[in-house]
């Protein structure tokens, strides 16, 4: 029998995912100190491996596409799911572009002389282990993994179940190629069941940051069920406001591109706002242009009085991700900004106008991570920004906002180098701080 004071040891048996999360945490200590050359070589080796395994990857994606048709997966998701030669070429170019970007790790952000022989430095460093949940886009898996690698982080990835065949082979190819190039074992792991996600939310001892990509309700659920910090990427209810002083030919071009260039993405325009002073003249031209792609228009009462075929708007905060758009006639810029701040998702909103003052008012007062003047909402993208792709677009305001690339995947630490310094000397007044700014 055990004595009353004798310690009883309880053996904790790890689940499969907990074991992999533990290994990712251990790997993160190694990835954090990898040199730039090793990381770049790993990215290039992954790029080569994707091309070498292109036929096998496309064959696995074909399985997912066939199942998507059988299960009647919505067409916008089917478009995201497709991973063909063009998509592979695009992700390979993204991997190569990442090698040309500066390493975000180890940058000196601040340097202060606290005293003659006491120097404080703030240095960028990786976050650690990223738990990333994303939608049915296999290309997102490659982008996310490559950004995690370059920024010195380990990652636990959970893609949509509809892409399981493609995600599995992509993870296998990336893991094998990266290990050959010197990455530590365990730096990347794929989650395939919903139970893995539920378990991940509890593993705050291993996972340092969760990045969910999905609906606002999904992001809120993640936030409410985990003590791990969450970088929120909610839905993309993006607006294009046609100001009374807009060049109407430009406005038509930007509206068409914002809505139809690629509809199944979070930076596609979902609501267009038109000043009432130009609505009667402009809306018929807009409807005619959008009809080239058979876009279904939902309009406010005033819009439907002009466009007789327009349907009623059921909800202004609505992400169609399809050839549909909401149109509202507004009394002016004040109403437009108020509407966006009330019904938008904080993602991307644009104004078309020749009035610089109106543009500045819009850019400053609209409460979104991305505000544009005279350009398409589709420019809201990490790759287009030169960030080397993105893990998502953050609609939150802390740590990172807008397209989250390399800079959003690092944090910082403070380092002090002294020479036997003790606080007692400063508390007694024997010594005093100089706080001289160096960098």
Protein backbone atom coordinates (compact mmCIF):
# COMPACT_ATOMS: atom_id res chain seq x y z
CA UNK A 1 0.00 0.00 0.00
CA UNK A 2 1.01 3.60 -0.59
CA UNK A 3 1.81 5.66 2.46
CA UNK A 4 -0.21 8.78 3.05
CA UNK A 5 2.66 11.02 1.99
CA UNK A 6 3.79 8.85 -0.89
CA UNK A 7 3.39 10.47 -4.32
CA UNK A 8 1.23 8.61 -6.83
CA UNK A 9 2.46 9.00 -10.41
CA UNK A 10 -0.23 9.11 -13.07
CA UNK A 11 0.93 8.14 -16.53
CA UNK A 12 -0.62 10.31 -19.23
CA UNK A 13 -1.04 8.49 -22.52
CA UNK A 14 -0.97 10.91 -25.44
CA UNK A 15 -3.47 10.63 -28.25
CA UNK A 16 -2.12 10.44 -31.80
CA UNK A 17 -2.70 14.12 -32.47
CA UNK A 18 -1.38 15.23 -29.08
CA UNK A 19 1.81 13.31 -29.84
CA UNK A 20 2.14 15.07 -33.19
CA UNK A 21 1.44 18.45 -31.58
CA UNK A 22 4.15 17.70 -29.01
CA UNK A 23 6.57 16.84 -31.82
CA UNK A 24 5.66 20.06 -33.61
CA UNK A 25 6.45 22.01 -30.45
CA UNK A 26 9.84 20.33 -30.17
CA UNK A 27 10.49 20.99 -33.87
CA UNK A 28 9.57 24.67 -33.41
CA UNK A 29 12.59 25.16 -31.15
CA UNK A 30 14.78 24.01 -34.04
CA UNK A 31 12.96 25.92 -36.80
CA UNK A 32 13.26 29.13 -34.76
CA UNK A 33 17.04 29.19 -35.15
CA UNK A 34 17.41 27.90 -38.71
CA UNK A 35 19.55 30.08 -40.94
CA UNK A 36 18.06 31.81 -43.96
CA UNK A 37 19.96 29.66 -46.46
CA UNK A 38 18.56 26.42 -45.06
CA UNK A 39 15.00 27.75 -45.16
CA UNK A 40 15.37 29.02 -48.71
CA UNK A 41 16.88 25.73 -49.86
CA UNK A 42 13.94 23.90 -48.32
CA UNK A 43 11.48 26.12 -50.18
CA UNK A 44 13.25 25.49 -53.48
CA UNK A 45 13.39 21.75 -52.84
CA UNK A 46 9.63 21.75 -52.14
CA UNK A 47 9.03 23.64 -55.40
CA UNK A 48 11.00 21.03 -57.34
CA UNK A 49 9.24 18.17 -55.56
CA UNK A 50 5.79 19.55 -56.43
CA UNK A 51 6.71 19.62 -60.10
CA UNK A 52 8.28 16.16 -59.91
CA UNK A 53 5.08 14.78 -58.37
CA UNK A 54 2.67 16.84 -60.45
CA UNK A 55 0.92 13.89 -62.11
CA UNK A 56 0.36 12.10 -58.80
CA UNK A 57 -0.93 15.29 -57.16
CA UNK A 58 -3.40 15.97 -59.98
CA UNK A 59 -4.57 12.33 -59.84
CA UNK A 60 -5.33 12.69 -56.12
CA UNK A 61 -7.09 15.99 -56.72
CA UNK A 62 -9.20 14.30 -59.38
CA UNK A 63 -10.50 11.93 -56.68
CA UNK A 64 -11.56 14.92 -54.58
CA UNK A 65 -13.20 16.60 -57.57
CA UNK A 66 -15.15 13.43 -58.45
CA UNK A 67 -16.39 13.12 -54.87
CA UNK A 68 -17.31 16.83 -54.89
CA UNK A 69 -19.54 16.26 -57.93
CA UNK A 70 -21.14 13.17 -56.36
CA UNK A 71 -21.90 15.02 -53.11
CA UNK A 72 -23.10 18.12 -55.00
CA UNK A 73 -20.51 20.39 -53.37
CA UNK A 74 -21.45 24.04 -54.10
CA UNK A 75 -19.81 25.32 -57.28
CA UNK A 76 -17.76 28.08 -55.55
CA UNK A 77 -16.15 25.39 -53.36
CA UNK A 78 -15.53 23.17 -56.37
CA UNK A 79 -13.66 26.03 -58.04
CA UNK A 80 -11.50 26.43 -54.94
CA UNK A 81 -10.93 22.70 -54.74
CA UNK A 82 -9.49 22.32 -58.24
CA UNK A 83 -5.69 21.90 -58.15
CA UNK A 84 -4.48 21.60 -61.74
CA UNK A 85 -1.23 22.35 -63.58
CA UNK A 86 -1.90 26.09 -63.45
CA UNK A 87 -2.46 26.04 -59.68
CA UNK A 88 0.71 23.99 -59.20
CA UNK A 89 2.65 26.44 -61.36
CA UNK A 90 1.28 29.33 -59.30
CA UNK A 91 2.27 27.83 -55.93
CA UNK A 92 5.72 26.95 -57.28
CA UNK A 93 6.21 30.57 -58.34
CA UNK A 94 5.05 31.61 -54.88
CA UNK A 95 7.61 29.35 -53.22
CA UNK A 96 10.40 30.79 -55.35
CA UNK A 97 9.29 34.35 -54.66
CA UNK A 98 9.47 33.67 -50.92
CA UNK A 99 13.17 32.90 -51.19
CA UNK A 100 13.75 36.41 -52.50
CA UNK A 101 12.11 38.07 -49.50
CA UNK A 102 14.09 39.13 -46.46
CA UNK A 103 14.09 36.73 -43.53
CA UNK A 104 11.63 38.15 -40.98
CA UNK A 105 13.43 36.41 -38.09
CA UNK A 106 16.30 38.01 -36.19
CA UNK A 107 15.67 41.60 -37.27
CA UNK A 108 16.68 44.23 -34.73
CA UNK A 109 13.58 46.34 -34.14
CA UNK A 110 14.91 48.54 -31.35
CA UNK A 111 18.22 49.07 -29.59
CA UNK A 112 18.60 51.18 -26.47
CA UNK A 113 21.58 51.89 -24.26
CA UNK A 114 20.14 51.59 -20.76
CA UNK A 115 23.57 52.44 -19.30
CA UNK A 116 27.16 52.45 -20.52
CA UNK A 117 27.48 48.67 -20.26
CA UNK A 118 23.81 47.67 -20.38
CA UNK A 119 22.13 47.37 -23.80
CA UNK A 120 18.52 46.44 -24.53
CA UNK A 121 17.57 45.01 -27.94
CA UNK A 122 14.16 44.03 -29.35
CA UNK A 123 14.50 41.26 -31.93
CA UNK A 124 11.90 39.57 -34.13
CA UNK A 125 11.37 35.85 -33.53
CA UNK A 126 8.92 33.12 -34.63
CA UNK A 127 5.61 32.62 -32.84
CA UNK A 128 6.18 28.86 -32.40
CA UNK A 129 3.50 26.37 -33.47
CA UNK A 130 0.68 27.58 -35.70
CA UNK A 131 -2.62 25.72 -35.76
CA UNK A 132 -4.26 26.68 -39.04
CA UNK A 133 -7.75 25.63 -40.14
CA UNK A 134 -8.57 26.50 -43.73
CA UNK A 135 -11.15 25.89 -46.44
CA UNK A 136 -11.17 23.64 -49.50
CA UNK A 137 -8.19 25.21 -51.26
CA UNK A 138 -5.22 22.87 -51.66
CA UNK A 139 -3.10 25.81 -52.85
CA UNK A 140 -3.71 27.40 -49.44
CA UNK A 141 -1.98 24.44 -47.81
CA UNK A 142 1.19 25.05 -49.82
CA UNK A 143 1.09 28.80 -49.20
CA UNK A 144 0.53 28.42 -45.47
CA UNK A 145 3.22 25.76 -45.03
CA UNK A 146 5.76 27.80 -46.99
CA UNK A 147 5.07 30.96 -44.99
CA UNK A 148 5.37 29.01 -41.73
CA UNK A 149 8.69 27.57 -42.91
CA UNK A 150 10.20 30.90 -43.96
CA UNK A 151 9.10 32.57 -40.72
CA UNK A 152 10.63 29.79 -38.61
CA UNK A 153 7.38 28.32 -37.31
CA UNK A 154 6.09 24.77 -37.08
CA UNK A 155 2.51 24.17 -38.22
CA UNK A 156 -0.47 21.88 -37.64
CA UNK A 157 -2.73 22.13 -40.68
CA UNK A 158 -6.42 21.23 -41.02
CA UNK A 159 -7.92 21.55 -44.48
CA UNK A 160 -11.47 20.83 -45.56
CA UNK A 161 -12.43 17.15 -45.69
CA UNK A 162 -13.49 17.60 -49.31
CA UNK A 163 -9.78 18.08 -50.18
CA UNK A 164 -8.43 15.21 -48.10
CA UNK A 165 -6.74 13.30 -50.94
CA UNK A 166 -5.00 16.40 -52.29
CA UNK A 167 -4.02 17.71 -48.86
CA UNK A 168 -2.57 14.35 -47.89
CA UNK A 169 -0.26 14.01 -50.89
CA UNK A 170 0.75 17.68 -50.72
CA UNK A 171 1.72 17.32 -47.06
CA UNK A 172 3.67 14.14 -47.81
CA UNK A 173 5.56 15.81 -50.68
CA UNK A 174 6.30 18.94 -48.65
CA UNK A 175 7.42 17.00 -45.58
CA UNK A 176 9.73 14.66 -47.49
CA UNK A 177 11.31 17.44 -49.55
CA UNK A 178 11.80 19.77 -46.58
CA UNK A 179 13.43 17.06 -44.43
CA UNK A 180 15.86 16.39 -47.27
CA UNK A 181 16.78 20.08 -47.19
CA UNK A 182 17.42 20.16 -43.43
CA UNK A 183 14.09 20.97 -41.80
CA UNK A 184 13.49 19.18 -38.47
CA UNK A 185 11.12 16.22 -38.37
CA UNK A 186 7.67 17.13 -37.08
CA UNK A 187 7.67 20.75 -38.25
CA UNK A 188 4.57 20.09 -40.38
CA UNK A 189 1.62 17.83 -39.58
CA UNK A 190 -1.79 17.35 -41.14
CA UNK A 191 -5.01 17.02 -39.17
CA UNK A 192 -7.73 15.08 -40.92
CA UNK A 193 -10.62 14.69 -38.51
CA UNK A 194 -12.91 17.07 -36.66
CA UNK A 195 -11.79 15.45 -33.44
CA UNK A 196 -8.28 16.73 -34.17
CA UNK A 197 -9.60 20.29 -34.28
CA UNK A 198 -11.52 19.91 -31.02
CA UNK A 199 -8.41 18.47 -29.41
CA UNK A 200 -6.16 21.19 -30.80
CA UNK A 201 -8.27 23.86 -29.12
CA UNK A 202 -7.27 22.39 -25.74
CA UNK A 203 -3.54 22.00 -26.38
CA UNK A 204 -2.35 25.41 -25.26
CA UNK A 205 0.88 23.87 -24.00
CA UNK A 206 1.85 23.03 -27.60
CA UNK A 207 -0.08 25.34 -29.94
CA UNK A 208 0.87 29.02 -29.77
CA UNK A 209 -1.57 30.58 -32.24
CA UNK A 210 -4.70 29.41 -34.04
CA UNK A 211 -5.57 30.89 -37.43
CA UNK A 212 -9.07 29.84 -38.54
CA UNK A 213 -10.22 30.66 -42.06
CA UNK A 214 -13.96 30.43 -42.52
CA UNK A 215 -17.26 32.07 -41.66
CA UNK A 216 -17.58 34.61 -38.88
CA UNK A 217 -19.64 32.11 -36.88
CA UNK A 218 -16.87 29.52 -37.22
CA UNK A 219 -14.17 31.97 -36.10
CA UNK A 220 -16.30 33.00 -33.12
CA UNK A 221 -16.78 29.35 -32.18
CA UNK A 222 -13.00 28.80 -32.19
CA UNK A 223 -12.44 31.89 -30.04
CA UNK A 224 -15.05 30.80 -27.51
CA UNK A 225 -13.75 27.25 -27.16
CA UNK A 226 -10.01 27.79 -26.74
CA UNK A 227 -7.65 29.66 -24.45
CA UNK A 228 -5.10 29.78 -27.28
CA UNK A 229 -4.76 33.19 -28.99
CA UNK A 230 -6.78 33.32 -32.22
CA UNK A 231 -6.01 35.42 -35.29
CA UNK A 232 -9.47 35.91 -36.74
CA UNK A 233 -10.16 35.74 -40.45
CA UNK A 234 -13.90 36.09 -40.85
CA UNK A 235 -16.02 36.36 -43.97
CA UNK A 236 -15.32 38.86 -46.73
CA UNK A 237 -18.27 41.20 -47.17
CA UNK A 238 -16.41 43.69 -49.35
CA UNK A 239 -17.91 46.92 -50.69
CA UNK A 240 -17.37 49.11 -53.73
CA UNK A 241 -18.74 52.63 -53.32
CA UNK A 242 -19.45 54.60 -56.51
CA UNK A 243 -19.19 58.23 -55.47
CA UNK A 244 -21.12 60.97 -57.26
CA UNK A 245 -17.84 62.28 -58.75
CA UNK A 246 -16.69 58.89 -60.03
CA UNK A 247 -15.49 58.42 -63.58
CA UNK A 248 -18.33 56.14 -64.65
CA UNK A 249 -16.31 54.20 -67.23
CA UNK A 250 -13.72 53.50 -64.53
CA UNK A 251 -16.45 52.57 -62.07
CA UNK A 252 -17.89 50.01 -64.50
CA UNK A 253 -14.48 48.48 -65.07
CA UNK A 254 -13.70 48.26 -61.34
CA UNK A 255 -17.16 46.93 -60.45
CA UNK A 256 -16.87 44.20 -63.09
CA UNK A 257 -13.40 43.16 -61.95
CA UNK A 258 -14.20 43.35 -58.23
CA UNK A 259 -17.26 41.15 -58.65
CA UNK A 260 -16.48 38.77 -61.51
CA UNK A 261 -12.71 38.34 -61.94
CA UNK A 262 -12.91 35.44 -59.46
CA UNK A 263 -16.09 35.14 -57.43
CA UNK A 264 -15.19 32.34 -54.99
CA UNK A 265 -12.76 34.40 -52.88
CA UNK A 266 -13.06 36.59 -49.80
CA UNK A 267 -11.86 39.77 -51.57
CA UNK A 268 -14.55 39.70 -54.26
CA UNK A 269 -17.05 42.56 -54.00
CA UNK A 270 -20.37 41.51 -52.47
CA UNK A 271 -22.11 44.90 -52.08
CA UNK A 272 -22.02 47.97 -54.31
CA UNK A 273 -23.11 51.36 -53.03
CA UNK A 274 -24.14 54.03 -55.54
CA UNK A 275 -24.76 57.73 -54.87
CA UNK A 276 -28.41 58.64 -55.53
CA UNK A 277 -27.39 61.65 -57.66
CA UNK A 278 -26.00 59.31 -60.37
CA UNK A 279 -28.05 56.15 -59.72
CA UNK A 280 -30.66 56.61 -62.48
CA UNK A 281 -27.93 57.11 -65.08
CA UNK A 282 -25.36 54.65 -63.78
CA UNK A 283 -27.32 51.62 -62.58
CA UNK A 284 -28.66 50.54 -66.01
CA UNK A 285 -25.09 50.66 -67.38
CA UNK A 286 -23.85 48.67 -64.38
CA UNK A 287 -26.56 46.05 -64.81
CA UNK A 288 -25.73 45.74 -68.50
CA UNK A 289 -22.04 45.24 -67.73
CA UNK A 290 -22.67 42.66 -65.01
CA UNK A 291 -25.03 40.78 -67.33
CA UNK A 292 -21.99 39.76 -69.38
CA UNK A 293 -21.28 37.27 -66.56
CA UNK A 294 -24.96 36.67 -65.74
CA UNK A 295 -24.57 38.30 -62.32
CA UNK A 296 -27.79 38.18 -60.27
CA UNK A 297 -28.53 41.56 -58.72
CA UNK A 298 -30.20 41.99 -55.32
CA UNK A 299 -31.22 45.58 -54.65
CA UNK A 300 -32.70 47.95 -52.14
CA UNK A 301 -36.16 49.37 -52.82
CA UNK A 302 -34.75 52.36 -54.73
CA UNK A 303 -32.50 50.10 -56.81
CA UNK A 304 -35.41 47.82 -57.72
CA UNK A 305 -37.40 50.85 -58.84
CA UNK A 306 -34.71 51.44 -61.47
CA UNK A 307 -33.67 47.84 -62.19
CA UNK A 308 -36.98 45.98 -62.51
CA UNK A 309 -35.36 42.52 -62.61
CA UNK A 310 -33.40 43.00 -59.38
CA UNK A 311 -34.28 40.74 -56.47
CA UNK A 312 -34.85 41.88 -52.90
CA UNK A 313 -31.89 41.95 -50.52
CA UNK A 314 -32.44 39.50 -47.67
CA UNK A 315 -29.36 40.42 -45.61
CA UNK A 316 -26.80 43.19 -46.18
CA UNK A 317 -24.06 41.30 -44.36
CA UNK A 318 -23.95 38.48 -46.89
CA UNK A 319 -21.03 36.79 -48.64
CA UNK A 320 -22.29 35.31 -51.92
CA UNK A 321 -19.01 33.85 -53.25
CA UNK A 322 -20.89 33.51 -56.52
CA UNK A 323 -22.19 35.57 -59.45
CA UNK A 324 -24.54 37.56 -57.23
CA UNK A 325 -24.25 41.06 -55.77
CA UNK A 326 -26.20 43.44 -53.54
CA UNK A 327 -26.71 47.06 -54.64
CA UNK A 328 -27.84 49.93 -52.41
CA UNK A 329 -28.48 53.54 -53.36
CA UNK A 330 -27.08 55.90 -50.71
CA UNK A 331 -27.65 59.60 -50.09
CA UNK A 332 -23.94 60.35 -50.05
CA UNK A 333 -20.58 59.43 -48.58
CA UNK A 334 -21.72 59.73 -44.97
CA UNK A 335 -24.38 57.04 -45.47
CA UNK A 336 -22.00 54.89 -47.48
CA UNK A 337 -19.37 54.87 -44.73
CA UNK A 338 -21.99 54.23 -42.05
CA UNK A 339 -23.39 51.31 -44.06
CA UNK A 340 -19.96 49.73 -44.54
CA UNK A 341 -19.00 50.12 -40.89
CA UNK A 342 -22.31 48.53 -39.85
CA UNK A 343 -22.62 45.67 -42.33
CA UNK A 344 -19.05 45.08 -43.53
CA UNK A 345 -16.67 42.47 -42.21
CA UNK A 346 -13.62 44.71 -41.84
CA UNK A 347 -11.99 43.02 -44.83
CA UNK A 348 -11.70 45.25 -47.92
CA UNK A 349 -13.70 48.26 -49.08
CA UNK A 350 -13.09 50.60 -52.01
CA UNK A 351 -14.28 53.97 -53.31
CA UNK A 352 -14.38 55.17 -56.92
CA UNK A 353 -14.15 58.95 -57.17
CA UNK A 354 -12.24 61.82 -58.75
CA UNK A 355 -12.60 63.81 -55.53
CA UNK A 356 -9.40 63.51 -53.50
CA UNK A 357 -10.97 64.87 -50.30
CA UNK A 358 -13.83 62.37 -50.52
CA UNK A 359 -11.33 59.59 -51.10
CA UNK A 360 -9.23 60.55 -48.09
CA UNK A 361 -12.37 60.71 -45.95
CA UNK A 362 -13.31 57.20 -47.06
CA UNK A 363 -9.82 55.72 -46.66
CA UNK A 364 -9.50 57.07 -43.13
CA UNK A 365 -13.01 56.52 -41.75
CA UNK A 366 -13.93 53.09 -43.10
CA UNK A 367 -13.00 50.64 -40.34
CA UNK A 368 -11.46 47.87 -42.44
CA UNK A 369 -8.06 46.26 -42.74
CA UNK A 370 -7.85 47.32 -46.40
CA UNK A 371 -9.32 50.52 -47.87
CA UNK A 372 -8.79 51.34 -51.57
CA UNK A 373 -9.25 54.30 -53.89
CA UNK A 374 -9.94 53.77 -57.59
CA UNK A 375 -8.89 50.13 -57.76
CA UNK A 376 -10.46 46.70 -57.57
CA UNK A 377 -11.10 45.00 -54.22
CA UNK A 378 -9.37 41.94 -55.70
CA UNK A 379 -5.99 43.56 -55.02
CA UNK A 380 -6.43 42.67 -51.34
CA UNK A 381 -4.04 39.74 -51.33
CA UNK A 382 -0.71 38.92 -49.71
CA UNK A 383 0.93 37.80 -52.94
CA UNK A 384 -0.19 40.94 -54.78
CA UNK A 385 1.07 43.04 -51.87
CA UNK A 386 4.48 41.42 -52.24
CA UNK A 387 4.19 39.50 -48.96
CA UNK A 388 4.94 36.14 -50.61
CA UNK A 389 1.33 34.89 -50.37
CA UNK A 390 -0.60 34.83 -47.09
CA UNK A 391 -2.01 32.56 -44.40
CA UNK A 392 -5.21 34.56 -44.59
CA UNK A 393 -6.56 38.06 -44.22
CA UNK A 394 -7.01 39.08 -40.62
CA UNK A 395 -10.09 41.12 -39.82
CA UNK A 396 -9.03 41.55 -36.20
CA UNK A 397 -7.01 44.53 -34.98
CA UNK A 398 -4.39 43.01 -32.70
CA UNK A 399 -0.98 41.71 -33.77
CA UNK A 400 -1.73 41.50 -37.50
CA UNK A 401 -4.37 43.03 -39.77
CA UNK A 402 -5.15 42.64 -43.45
CA UNK A 403 -3.19 40.09 -45.52
CA UNK A 404 -1.04 38.11 -43.08
CA UNK A 405 2.28 37.24 -44.63
CA UNK A 406 5.71 36.75 -43.12
CA UNK A 407 5.56 39.86 -40.94
CA UNK A 408 2.35 38.66 -39.31
CA UNK A 409 3.89 35.30 -38.36
CA UNK A 410 6.64 36.64 -36.13
CA UNK A 411 6.58 38.28 -32.75
CA UNK A 412 9.54 39.67 -30.81
CA UNK A 413 11.61 39.22 -27.69
CA UNK A 414 13.76 41.57 -25.63
CA UNK A 415 17.42 40.84 -25.01
CA UNK A 416 19.65 42.61 -22.50
CA UNK A 417 23.43 42.35 -22.51
CA UNK A 418 25.16 43.62 -19.38
CA UNK A 419 28.40 43.38 -17.42
CA UNK A 420 27.44 42.28 -13.92
CA UNK A 421 24.76 44.94 -13.58
CA UNK A 422 22.37 44.77 -10.62
CA UNK A 423 19.14 46.67 -9.97
CA UNK A 424 20.23 47.62 -6.43
CA UNK A 425 22.74 50.11 -7.86
CA UNK A 426 19.96 51.97 -9.65
CA UNK A 427 17.51 51.74 -6.76
CA UNK A 428 20.08 53.31 -4.42
CA UNK A 429 20.91 56.08 -6.86
CA UNK A 430 24.51 54.93 -7.24
CA UNK A 431 23.84 54.56 -10.95
CA UNK A 432 21.24 56.06 -13.27
CA UNK A 433 19.78 54.97 -16.59
CA UNK A 434 20.88 56.79 -19.75
CA UNK A 435 18.16 55.36 -22.04
CA UNK A 436 20.04 56.45 -25.14
CA UNK A 437 18.26 55.42 -28.35
CA UNK A 438 20.61 53.58 -30.72
CA UNK A 439 18.19 52.10 -33.27
